[in-house]
Amino acid sequence: MPNWIIRKLQQPDDFKAVAPLLNLIWSEPTTAEQLNEDEDKIPPGQLHYNEKGELMGWDRPKWVVEDEHGYIVGYAIAWRAPWTEPGALIYNLIVDPEIRGNGVGNTLYEVLKQWAIGVKASRLIGYMKESDERSLAFAERRKHVKERHSFESVLELATFDGGTLEASIQDAERAGIQFITLADEPGEVSERKLHELYKITHPDIPGYSGDFPWFEEWKKWSIAQNGVRPEWIHIAKDGERYIGVVTLQQNEQTRAMYHEYTGVLPEYRGRRIALALKMLGVQTARSYGVPYLKTHNDSMNAPMLRINRDLIGFRAEPGSYKMVCELP
């Protein structure tokens, strides 16, 4: 018999042990307090089905593995938001490296999978580092296939030399584009204009699926997140119209910043406005003494990869695969 048990996560106490496990796979560290605060933003799960019988709504069941000493050595979550593509569940599963290979991960995955089948999900989606061969093999043995590939990129600010790139800001301004931050135009009117900008530009991200969050939920998980400030949200305007945005988010542990979002309206692309916004973000990060900037891009997002890597000089880091398992 195994000398460990699988049980439902107890919030908030278990987050103290879960945070170090998540930090094994997340590119930026989190804390128990941050995990608990995020969970408190989410109302109780409410799943339902559309007219095709596909899973809709939201839920976030979480399980932990506890060893014979009461230590948490594994964690799994299956979740979907109201705007997640119909039928899909996204999951994370982590086991302490010290005890991998003894069946804990397999049993934990089966618990998660049976729950997914029980709520009639049609597919499970996991995101795994391309360098984590063991986890990728684990997923492939369980009929997961690689659907998409995203890259992580890092810009070390201590050695960054923008050269002539900052001229893109002045070029855009001479063409009539104005740059502000959300701190310059605070309030719901501006926030709703940003929401519309995000909504229009999001579907152009390769691999994006599902619906887009309504205003209140979008605000909660974008511009109102921990580590995001109004003065770190750079907006490009044409008259009173918001036509581009770069939003920065800072991690309190590493002090590094993450490009939470970059978007420019389709009719304004090709004019180096995204580059100008990126350079404004770099200026902001340097003014706060940030050690590095991070971002992620889908492998098919050639225009943004060109800006980040070829023009600005972000360093390529190992990316991740979207691993998908079709359920019976």
Protein backbone atom coordinates (compact mmCIF):
# COMPACT_ATOMS: atom_id res chain seq x y z
CA MET A 1 0.00 0.00 0.00
CA PRO A 2 1.26 3.54 -0.70
CA ASN A 3 2.48 5.55 2.29
CA TRP A 4 0.83 8.75 1.01
CA ILE A 5 -2.71 10.00 0.56
CA ILE A 6 -4.42 12.29 -1.97
CA ARG A 7 -6.92 14.78 -0.62
CA LYS A 8 -8.56 18.07 -1.57
CA LEU A 9 -6.48 21.17 -0.93
CA GLN A 10 -7.31 23.09 2.23
CA GLN A 11 -7.22 26.84 1.68
CA PRO A 12 -5.27 28.81 2.84
CA ASP A 13 -3.10 26.49 4.94
CA ASP A 14 -1.87 24.22 2.14
CA PHE A 15 -0.63 27.09 -0.02
CA LYS A 16 2.52 27.36 2.11
CA ALA A 17 3.60 23.98 0.76
CA VAL A 18 2.09 24.38 -2.71
CA ALA A 19 3.93 27.63 -3.57
CA PRO A 20 7.41 25.99 -3.54
CA LEU A 21 6.09 23.21 -5.80
CA LEU A 22 4.69 25.71 -8.30
CA ASN A 23 7.98 27.59 -8.23
CA LEU A 24 9.61 24.48 -9.69
CA ILE A 25 7.71 25.00 -12.96
CA TRP A 26 6.74 28.69 -13.11
CA SER A 27 9.19 31.11 -14.67
CA GLU A 28 8.67 33.67 -11.89
CA PRO A 29 8.17 32.74 -8.22
CA THR A 30 4.93 33.06 -6.32
CA THR A 31 4.02 33.03 -2.62
CA ALA A 32 1.36 31.43 -0.48
CA GLU A 33 -0.14 34.86 0.12
CA GLN A 34 -0.36 35.56 -3.60
CA LEU A 35 -1.98 32.19 -4.31
CA ASN A 36 -4.55 32.74 -1.59
CA GLU A 37 -5.31 36.27 -2.75
CA ASP A 38 -5.86 35.08 -6.32
CA GLU A 39 -8.19 32.31 -5.17
CA ASP A 40 -10.20 34.77 -3.10
CA LYS A 41 -10.99 36.68 -6.31
CA ILE A 42 -12.79 33.67 -7.78
CA PRO A 43 -16.40 32.82 -6.82
CA PRO A 44 -17.40 29.17 -6.20
CA GLY A 45 -17.40 26.98 -9.29
CA GLN A 46 -20.46 26.90 -11.50
CA LEU A 47 -20.21 24.46 -14.40
CA HIS A 48 -22.90 24.06 -17.03
CA TYR A 49 -23.23 22.92 -20.66
CA ASN A 50 -24.06 24.67 -23.91
CA GLU A 51 -26.61 23.57 -26.48
CA LYS A 52 -24.04 21.13 -27.93
CA GLY A 53 -23.49 19.51 -24.54
CA GLU A 54 -20.02 21.03 -24.20
CA LEU A 55 -18.64 21.92 -20.78
CA MET A 56 -18.96 25.62 -19.94
CA GLY A 57 -18.72 27.82 -16.83
CA TRP A 58 -15.88 27.71 -14.35
CA ASP A 59 -14.38 25.69 -11.51
CA ARG A 60 -10.95 25.09 -9.88
CA PRO A 61 -10.71 21.78 -7.96
CA LYS A 62 -7.32 21.26 -6.33
CA TRP A 63 -5.69 18.20 -4.80
CA VAL A 64 -2.54 17.61 -2.76
CA VAL A 65 -0.47 14.53 -2.00
CA GLU A 66 0.46 14.14 1.65
CA ASP A 67 3.17 11.73 2.78
CA GLU A 68 3.26 9.68 5.99
CA HIS A 69 4.79 12.62 7.88
CA GLY A 70 2.05 15.04 6.82
CA TYR A 71 4.22 16.88 4.28
CA ILE A 72 2.69 17.93 0.98
CA VAL A 73 4.76 16.44 -1.84
CA GLY A 74 2.42 16.84 -4.80
CA TYR A 75 -0.22 19.21 -6.15
CA ALA A 76 -2.71 19.26 -8.99
CA ILE A 77 -5.33 21.71 -10.20
CA ALA A 78 -7.89 21.44 -13.00
CA TRP A 79 -9.50 24.71 -13.97
CA ARG A 80 -11.48 26.61 -16.51
CA ALA A 81 -12.62 30.23 -16.62
CA PRO A 82 -16.01 31.32 -18.02
CA TRP A 83 -14.25 32.35 -21.25
CA THR A 84 -12.20 29.15 -21.69
CA GLU A 85 -12.94 27.31 -24.94
CA PRO A 86 -15.96 24.97 -24.64
CA GLY A 87 -15.15 21.53 -23.30
CA ALA A 88 -11.60 22.34 -22.17
CA LEU A 89 -9.96 22.03 -18.77
CA ILE A 90 -6.47 23.38 -18.10
CA TYR A 91 -4.35 21.68 -15.48
CA ASN A 92 -1.09 21.75 -13.57
CA LEU A 93 0.41 18.72 -11.87
CA ILE A 94 3.62 18.82 -9.85
CA VAL A 95 5.34 16.16 -7.75
CA ASP A 96 8.38 16.78 -5.56
CA PRO A 97 11.39 15.63 -7.62
CA GLU A 98 12.65 13.62 -4.66
CA ILE A 99 9.77 11.16 -4.87
CA ARG A 100 9.07 10.99 -8.60
CA GLY A 101 8.94 7.55 -10.14
CA ASN A 102 7.00 5.83 -7.35
CA GLY A 103 3.51 6.22 -8.81
CA VAL A 104 2.45 9.43 -7.06
CA GLY A 105 2.16 11.42 -10.28
CA ASN A 106 0.23 8.70 -12.06
CA THR A 107 -2.29 8.33 -9.25
CA LEU A 108 -2.70 12.08 -8.90
CA TYR A 109 -3.23 12.42 -12.66
CA GLU A 110 -5.87 9.67 -12.61
CA VAL A 111 -7.77 11.48 -9.85
CA LEU A 112 -7.71 14.67 -11.90
CA LYS A 113 -8.62 12.87 -15.14
CA GLN A 114 -11.55 11.01 -13.60
CA TRP A 115 -12.90 14.28 -12.23
CA ALA A 116 -12.60 15.78 -15.72
CA ILE A 117 -14.42 12.86 -17.30
CA GLY A 118 -17.07 13.08 -14.60
CA VAL A 119 -17.89 16.69 -15.54
CA LYS A 120 -17.86 15.71 -19.26
CA ALA A 121 -14.80 17.69 -20.29
CA SER A 122 -13.67 16.91 -23.83
CA ARG A 123 -9.97 17.80 -23.50
CA LEU A 124 -7.25 18.36 -20.93
CA ILE A 125 -4.61 21.03 -21.59
CA GLY A 126 -1.27 21.25 -19.81
CA TYR A 127 1.67 23.59 -20.39
CA MET A 128 5.09 22.02 -19.91
CA LYS A 129 8.63 23.35 -20.30
CA GLU A 130 10.34 22.15 -23.44
CA SER A 131 13.42 21.34 -21.34
CA ASP A 132 11.42 19.11 -18.96
CA GLU A 133 11.80 15.88 -20.89
CA ARG A 134 10.50 13.76 -18.04
CA SER A 135 7.19 15.63 -17.79
CA LEU A 136 6.76 15.69 -21.56
CA ALA A 137 7.29 11.93 -21.70
CA PHE A 138 4.81 11.49 -18.82
CA ALA A 139 2.20 13.42 -20.81
CA GLU A 140 2.88 11.66 -24.10
CA ARG A 141 2.47 8.25 -22.43
CA ARG A 142 -0.98 9.47 -21.46
CA LYS A 143 -1.97 10.36 -25.02
CA HIS A 144 -1.12 14.05 -24.94
CA VAL A 145 0.06 15.65 -28.16
CA LYS A 146 2.03 18.85 -28.71
CA GLU A 147 -0.35 21.48 -30.07
CA ARG A 148 1.61 24.73 -29.76
CA HIS A 149 5.07 25.98 -28.83
CA SER A 150 5.67 29.25 -26.98
CA PHE A 151 9.02 30.90 -26.25
CA GLU A 152 10.27 32.75 -23.20
CA SER A 153 12.56 35.74 -23.74
CA VAL A 154 14.63 37.76 -21.26
CA LEU A 155 16.16 41.23 -21.57
CA GLU A 156 18.97 42.00 -19.11
CA LEU A 157 18.59 45.72 -18.46
CA ALA A 158 22.02 46.34 -16.91
CA THR A 159 23.70 45.68 -20.25
CA PHE A 160 20.92 46.82 -22.59
CA ASP A 161 21.76 49.46 -25.17
CA GLY A 162 18.71 50.60 -27.10
CA GLY A 163 20.80 52.43 -29.67
CA THR A 164 18.49 54.09 -32.17
CA LEU A 165 15.41 52.11 -31.15
CA GLU A 166 14.05 54.89 -28.94
CA ALA A 167 13.72 57.02 -32.08
CA SER A 168 10.58 54.97 -32.77
CA ILE A 169 8.86 56.96 -30.00
CA GLN A 170 9.64 60.32 -31.59
CA ASP A 171 8.78 58.99 -35.07
CA ALA A 172 5.32 57.94 -33.87
CA GLU A 173 4.77 61.25 -32.10
CA ARG A 174 5.69 63.17 -35.25
CA ALA A 175 3.06 61.09 -37.07
CA GLY A 176 0.41 62.27 -34.59
CA ILE A 177 0.47 59.43 -32.06
CA GLN A 178 0.40 60.45 -28.40
CA PHE A 179 1.82 58.31 -25.60
CA ILE A 180 0.37 58.39 -22.10
CA THR A 181 -0.02 56.04 -19.15
CA LEU A 182 -3.22 55.03 -17.44
CA ALA A 183 -2.11 57.25 -14.55
CA ASP A 184 -2.50 60.24 -16.90
CA GLU A 185 -6.13 59.34 -17.70
CA PRO A 186 -7.46 57.34 -14.75
CA GLY A 187 -11.03 56.13 -14.35
CA GLU A 188 -13.57 53.73 -15.79
CA VAL A 189 -13.92 55.49 -19.15
CA SER A 190 -10.25 54.93 -19.88
CA GLU A 191 -10.35 51.39 -18.48
CA ARG A 192 -13.25 50.48 -20.75
CA LYS A 193 -11.35 51.85 -23.75
CA LEU A 194 -8.43 49.64 -22.76
CA HIS A 195 -10.75 46.66 -22.38
CA GLU A 196 -11.98 47.18 -25.93
CA LEU A 197 -8.40 47.45 -27.20
CA TYR A 198 -7.45 44.18 -25.48
CA LYS A 199 -10.60 42.50 -26.82
CA ILE A 200 -9.92 43.52 -30.42
CA THR A 201 -6.23 42.56 -30.40
CA HIS A 202 -6.38 39.33 -28.37
CA PRO A 203 -7.76 37.08 -31.14
CA ASP A 204 -4.68 37.89 -33.26
CA ILE A 205 -2.42 36.06 -30.81
CA PRO A 206 -1.58 32.70 -32.42
CA GLY A 207 -3.21 29.87 -30.50
CA TYR A 208 -5.72 32.07 -28.68
CA SER A 209 -9.07 30.35 -28.23
CA GLY A 210 -12.23 30.81 -26.26
CA ASP A 211 -14.14 33.99 -25.51
CA PHE A 212 -12.83 37.24 -24.06
CA PRO A 213 -13.58 38.23 -20.44
CA TRP A 214 -16.19 40.85 -19.76
CA PHE A 215 -14.99 44.15 -18.34
CA GLU A 216 -15.09 43.39 -14.61
CA GLU A 217 -13.28 40.05 -14.96
CA TRP A 218 -10.76 41.44 -17.46
CA LYS A 219 -9.91 44.27 -15.08
CA LYS A 220 -9.47 41.86 -12.18
CA TRP A 221 -6.96 39.69 -14.05
CA SER A 222 -5.12 42.35 -16.06
CA ILE A 223 -4.77 45.96 -14.94
CA ALA A 224 -5.85 45.29 -11.32
CA GLN A 225 -3.42 42.41 -10.73
CA ASN A 226 -0.81 42.58 -8.02
CA GLY A 227 2.34 44.12 -9.46
CA VAL A 228 0.53 46.25 -12.06
CA ARG A 229 0.36 50.02 -11.58
CA PRO A 230 -1.42 52.65 -13.71
CA GLU A 231 1.91 54.34 -14.46
CA TRP A 232 3.21 51.04 -15.86
CA ILE A 233 0.43 50.80 -18.45
CA HIS A 234 1.67 52.63 -21.55
CA ILE A 235 -1.02 53.63 -24.04
CA ALA A 236 -0.74 54.89 -27.61
CA LYS A 237 -3.51 57.31 -28.65
CA ASP A 238 -4.68 58.65 -31.99
CA GLY A 239 -6.87 61.56 -30.94
CA GLU A 240 -9.05 60.13 -28.18
CA ARG A 241 -8.84 56.58 -29.50
CA TYR A 242 -6.64 54.05 -27.71
CA ILE A 243 -4.76 52.22 -30.45
CA GLY A 244 -1.94 50.40 -28.63
CA VAL A 245 -0.84 49.29 -25.16
CA VAL A 246 2.03 47.75 -23.23
CA THR A 247 1.31 46.64 -19.66
CA LEU A 248 4.10 45.79 -17.23
CA GLN A 249 3.78 43.65 -14.10
CA GLN A 250 6.45 43.43 -11.40
CA ASN A 251 7.27 40.38 -9.30
CA GLU A 252 7.83 41.49 -5.71
CA GLN A 253 10.36 38.71 -5.02
CA THR A 254 12.69 39.12 -8.01
CA ARG A 255 11.79 42.79 -8.71
CA ALA A 256 11.78 41.81 -12.39
CA MET A 257 9.03 42.98 -14.72
CA TYR A 258 6.93 40.97 -17.13
CA HIS A 259 5.32 42.22 -20.33
CA GLU A 260 1.82 41.27 -19.24
CA TYR A 261 0.37 42.40 -22.57
CA THR A 262 1.31 44.11 -25.83
CA GLY A 263 -1.28 44.99 -28.46
CA VAL A 264 -1.80 47.39 -31.37
CA LEU A 265 -4.96 47.73 -33.44
CA PRO A 266 -4.63 46.00 -36.84
CA GLU A 267 -4.97 49.19 -38.88
CA TYR A 268 -2.04 50.78 -37.01
CA ARG A 269 0.42 47.93 -37.39
CA GLY A 270 3.57 48.24 -39.47
CA ARG A 271 4.27 51.75 -38.15
CA ARG A 272 6.65 50.71 -35.31
CA ILE A 273 4.08 51.69 -32.67
CA ALA A 274 4.52 48.36 -30.85
CA LEU A 275 8.29 48.97 -30.82
CA ALA A 276 7.76 52.47 -29.42
CA LEU A 277 5.51 51.08 -26.67
CA LYS A 278 8.06 48.38 -25.89
CA MET A 279 10.80 51.00 -25.60
CA LEU A 280 8.65 53.07 -23.25
CA GLY A 281 8.28 49.92 -21.17
CA VAL A 282 12.05 49.46 -21.14
CA GLN A 283 12.52 53.08 -20.03
CA THR A 284 10.03 52.55 -17.20
CA ALA A 285 11.68 49.33 -16.07
CA ARG A 286 15.14 50.93 -16.03
CA SER A 287 13.89 53.93 -14.09
CA TYR A 288 12.72 51.55 -11.33
CA GLY A 289 16.01 49.66 -11.24
CA VAL A 290 14.46 46.48 -12.61
CA PRO A 291 17.11 43.77 -13.27
CA TYR A 292 15.41 42.18 -16.28
CA LEU A 293 12.26 42.06 -18.39
CA LYS A 294 10.53 38.83 -19.40
CA THR A 295 7.97 38.00 -22.04
CA HIS A 296 6.43 35.00 -23.80
CA ASN A 297 5.50 34.66 -27.46
CA ASP A 298 3.92 31.91 -29.51
CA SER A 299 6.25 30.37 -32.08
CA MET A 300 3.87 31.53 -34.83
CA ASN A 301 3.88 35.17 -33.68
CA ALA A 302 6.66 36.21 -36.06
CA PRO A 303 6.06 40.00 -35.87
CA MET A 304 6.36 40.12 -32.08
CA LEU A 305 9.30 37.71 -32.02
CA ARG A 306 11.06 39.97 -34.52
CA ILE A 307 10.51 43.02 -32.29
CA ASN A 308 11.56 41.26 -29.10
CA ARG A 309 14.54 39.26 -30.33
CA ASP A 310 15.80 40.78 -33.55
CA LEU A 311 15.29 44.46 -32.75
CA ILE A 312 15.37 44.84 -28.97
CA GLY A 313 17.63 41.88 -28.23
CA PHE A 314 15.66 39.71 -25.81
CA ARG A 315 17.60 36.52 -25.08
CA ALA A 316 15.89 33.26 -25.99
CA GLU A 317 15.10 30.97 -23.07
CA PRO A 318 13.58 27.47 -23.12
CA GLY A 319 9.89 27.75 -23.90
CA SER A 320 6.93 25.49 -23.26
CA TYR A 321 4.61 23.18 -25.13
CA LYS A 322 0.83 23.18 -25.01
CA MET A 323 0.05 19.50 -24.43
CA VAL A 324 -3.48 18.37 -25.23
CA CYS A 325 -5.27 15.13 -24.36
CA GLU A 326 -8.64 14.38 -25.97
CA LEU A 327 -10.93 12.73 -23.43
CA PRO A 328 -13.42 9.94 -24.20
